[in-house]
Amino acid sequence: EFTLQTKRTSSLPERWESHSFDQIYDHYECKAQAEDKSKPIPSLAQWLFLRKQYKEFVDDTISFDDPIPPTMGYSYDESHNTPPFYAKLDPERGRGLYASRNIKRLEVVHHWSGHDVTFPDAYAFRQFVFSLPKRMACDVVDWAWSRKISGENK
């Protein structure tokens, strides 16, 4: 069950500031959740909570003003169309993305669009992740990837 909390309610693990990605994964015991085929698709309340925590622990100047609700994706183009896929819970396979229309061969279906959140450094990522409830922290760890952004892409 998901409950909103405004501040961190559990104590931070010792030396959390230097935890590696794997140590965060182990701290939250994410392996079991990663293999859980019944975990639900995040609700609007959960998405809004993630955004609130991001603003509080990472960047209080960010604006989440996309007209597309996060449960439906994001504005894929300037006309505010959603991406050509949607999230669904399959009872046998678990969470997945499914095409919402025919997708052409080699068509780009996700690109850096400003809708992905970024972290200025590993410390900010750790602060954010450790501000979340266990299941949500595991989701973030599962969804995260590392990439260097520089120049005009920043």
Protein backbone atom coordinates (compact mmCIF):
# COMPACT_ATOMS: atom_id res chain seq x y z
CA GLU A 1 0.00 0.00 0.00
CA PHE A 2 1.28 3.43 -0.93
CA THR A 3 1.02 6.28 1.56
CA LEU A 4 2.15 9.84 1.07
CA GLN A 5 4.87 11.06 3.37
CA THR A 6 6.29 14.53 3.26
CA LYS A 7 9.63 13.92 4.92
CA ARG A 8 12.01 11.00 5.27
CA THR A 9 10.60 8.74 7.98
CA SER A 10 13.28 6.07 8.19
CA SER A 11 16.88 6.55 9.15
CA LEU A 12 19.48 6.60 6.44
CA PRO A 13 21.90 3.68 6.20
CA GLU A 14 25.40 4.27 7.44
CA ARG A 15 27.59 5.96 4.80
CA TRP A 16 24.59 6.36 2.46
CA GLU A 17 26.38 9.25 0.71
CA SER A 18 28.80 6.80 -0.90
CA HIS A 19 26.49 3.85 -1.54
CA SER A 20 26.99 2.31 -4.96
CA PHE A 21 24.05 1.48 -7.18
CA ASP A 22 24.33 -2.17 -6.11
CA GLN A 23 24.44 -1.22 -2.43
CA ILE A 24 21.24 0.81 -2.82
CA TYR A 25 19.64 -2.17 -4.60
CA ASP A 26 20.72 -4.50 -1.78
CA HIS A 27 19.71 -2.05 0.97
CA TYR A 28 16.14 -1.95 -0.30
CA GLU A 29 16.13 -5.68 -1.14
CA CYS A 30 14.99 -4.86 -4.67
CA LYS A 31 15.63 -8.29 -6.20
CA ALA A 32 12.32 -9.68 -4.93
CA GLN A 33 10.39 -6.68 -6.24
CA ALA A 34 12.16 -6.83 -9.60
CA GLU A 35 10.92 -10.40 -10.01
CA ASP A 36 7.38 -9.64 -8.73
CA LYS A 37 5.04 -10.04 -11.72
CA SER A 38 2.10 -8.59 -9.78
CA LYS A 39 3.54 -5.17 -8.90
CA PRO A 40 1.11 -2.55 -10.20
CA ILE A 41 1.70 0.24 -12.68
CA PRO A 42 2.38 3.43 -10.69
CA SER A 43 -0.72 5.49 -9.94
CA LEU A 44 -1.11 9.22 -10.47
CA ALA A 45 -0.66 9.75 -6.72
CA GLN A 46 2.66 7.87 -6.86
CA TRP A 47 3.88 9.89 -9.85
CA LEU A 48 2.94 13.13 -8.10
CA PHE A 49 4.77 11.97 -4.97
CA LEU A 50 7.91 11.18 -7.00
CA ARG A 51 7.76 14.66 -8.51
CA LYS A 52 7.33 16.25 -5.08
CA GLN A 53 10.32 14.36 -3.71
CA TYR A 54 12.41 15.30 -6.76
CA LYS A 55 11.59 18.97 -6.21
CA GLU A 56 12.38 18.72 -2.50
CA PHE A 57 15.62 16.73 -2.70
CA VAL A 58 17.05 17.51 -6.14
CA ASP A 59 15.74 20.61 -7.94
CA ASP A 60 13.14 22.94 -6.45
CA THR A 61 13.06 25.01 -9.66
CA ILE A 62 11.87 22.24 -11.98
CA SER A 63 8.43 22.59 -13.48
CA PHE A 64 6.38 19.51 -14.25
CA ASP A 65 3.86 21.22 -16.52
CA ASP A 66 3.25 18.65 -19.25
CA PRO A 67 -0.48 18.54 -20.12
CA ILE A 68 -0.24 14.75 -20.48
CA PRO A 69 -0.65 13.05 -17.08
CA PRO A 70 2.31 10.83 -16.16
CA THR A 71 0.06 7.77 -16.07
CA MET A 72 -0.39 8.23 -19.85
CA GLY A 73 3.25 8.98 -20.66
CA TYR A 74 4.35 12.45 -21.70
CA SER A 75 4.04 14.91 -24.60
CA TYR A 76 5.89 13.11 -27.35
CA ASP A 77 5.77 16.04 -29.75
CA GLU A 78 4.80 19.70 -29.91
CA SER A 79 1.15 18.74 -30.50
CA HIS A 80 1.17 16.99 -27.10
CA ASN A 81 0.54 13.54 -28.53
CA THR A 82 1.45 10.67 -26.23
CA PRO A 83 4.25 8.27 -27.21
CA PRO A 84 3.28 5.29 -29.39
CA PHE A 85 3.19 2.96 -26.38
CA TYR A 86 1.49 2.55 -23.03
CA ALA A 87 2.20 0.72 -19.79
CA LYS A 88 0.11 -2.28 -18.84
CA LEU A 89 0.21 -5.02 -16.25
CA ASP A 90 0.23 -8.47 -17.84
CA PRO A 91 -0.78 -11.16 -15.31
CA GLU A 92 1.87 -13.58 -16.62
CA ARG A 93 4.75 -11.25 -17.49
CA GLY A 94 4.22 -8.30 -15.15
CA ARG A 95 4.70 -4.68 -16.18
CA GLY A 96 5.33 -3.98 -19.81
CA LEU A 97 5.13 -1.43 -22.59
CA TYR A 98 2.74 -2.13 -25.44
CA ALA A 99 2.47 -0.43 -28.80
CA SER A 100 -0.60 1.80 -29.11
CA ARG A 101 -0.25 1.92 -32.91
CA ASN A 102 1.83 0.36 -35.64
CA ILE A 103 5.45 1.37 -35.25
CA LYS A 104 7.59 1.68 -38.35
CA ARG A 105 10.90 -0.14 -38.61
CA LEU A 106 13.70 2.01 -37.13
CA GLU A 107 11.20 4.59 -35.84
CA VAL A 108 12.41 6.34 -32.70
CA VAL A 109 9.77 5.88 -30.01
CA HIS A 110 11.54 7.63 -27.14
CA HIS A 111 14.09 10.38 -27.23
CA TRP A 112 15.62 12.80 -24.81
CA SER A 113 12.70 15.15 -24.58
CA GLY A 114 13.15 17.00 -21.36
CA HIS A 115 10.66 14.69 -19.68
CA ASP A 116 13.36 12.47 -18.23
CA VAL A 117 14.60 13.80 -14.92
CA THR A 118 18.31 14.20 -14.46
CA PHE A 119 20.53 14.42 -11.42
CA PRO A 120 23.45 16.83 -11.18
CA ASP A 121 25.53 14.21 -9.38
CA ALA A 122 25.39 10.84 -7.62
CA TYR A 123 24.82 12.53 -4.25
CA ALA A 124 21.55 14.09 -5.51
CA PHE A 125 20.44 10.71 -6.88
CA ARG A 126 21.15 9.05 -3.53
CA GLN A 127 19.33 11.79 -1.60
CA PHE A 128 16.29 11.33 -3.84
CA VAL A 129 16.26 7.53 -3.71
CA PHE A 130 16.70 7.43 0.07
CA SER A 131 13.75 9.83 0.44
CA LEU A 132 11.39 7.25 -1.08
CA PRO A 133 9.44 4.31 0.34
CA LYS A 134 11.06 0.93 -0.36
CA ARG A 135 8.92 -0.17 -3.33
CA MET A 136 9.16 3.22 -4.99
CA ALA A 137 12.93 3.36 -4.44
CA CYS A 138 13.25 -0.05 -6.11
CA ASP A 139 11.23 1.19 -9.08
CA VAL A 140 13.52 4.19 -9.46
CA VAL A 141 16.61 1.98 -9.27
CA ASP A 142 15.09 -0.34 -11.91
CA TRP A 143 14.24 2.59 -14.21
CA ALA A 144 17.52 4.48 -13.83
CA TRP A 145 20.34 4.62 -16.31
CA SER A 146 23.50 6.66 -16.48
CA ARG A 147 24.45 8.96 -19.29
CA LYS A 148 26.68 11.99 -19.54
CA ILE A 149 24.88 15.12 -20.69
CA SER A 150 26.94 18.03 -21.86
CA GLY A 151 26.82 21.06 -24.10
CA GLU A 152 23.51 21.94 -25.72
CA ASN A 153 21.86 18.70 -24.52
CA LYS A 154 22.24 19.78 -20.89
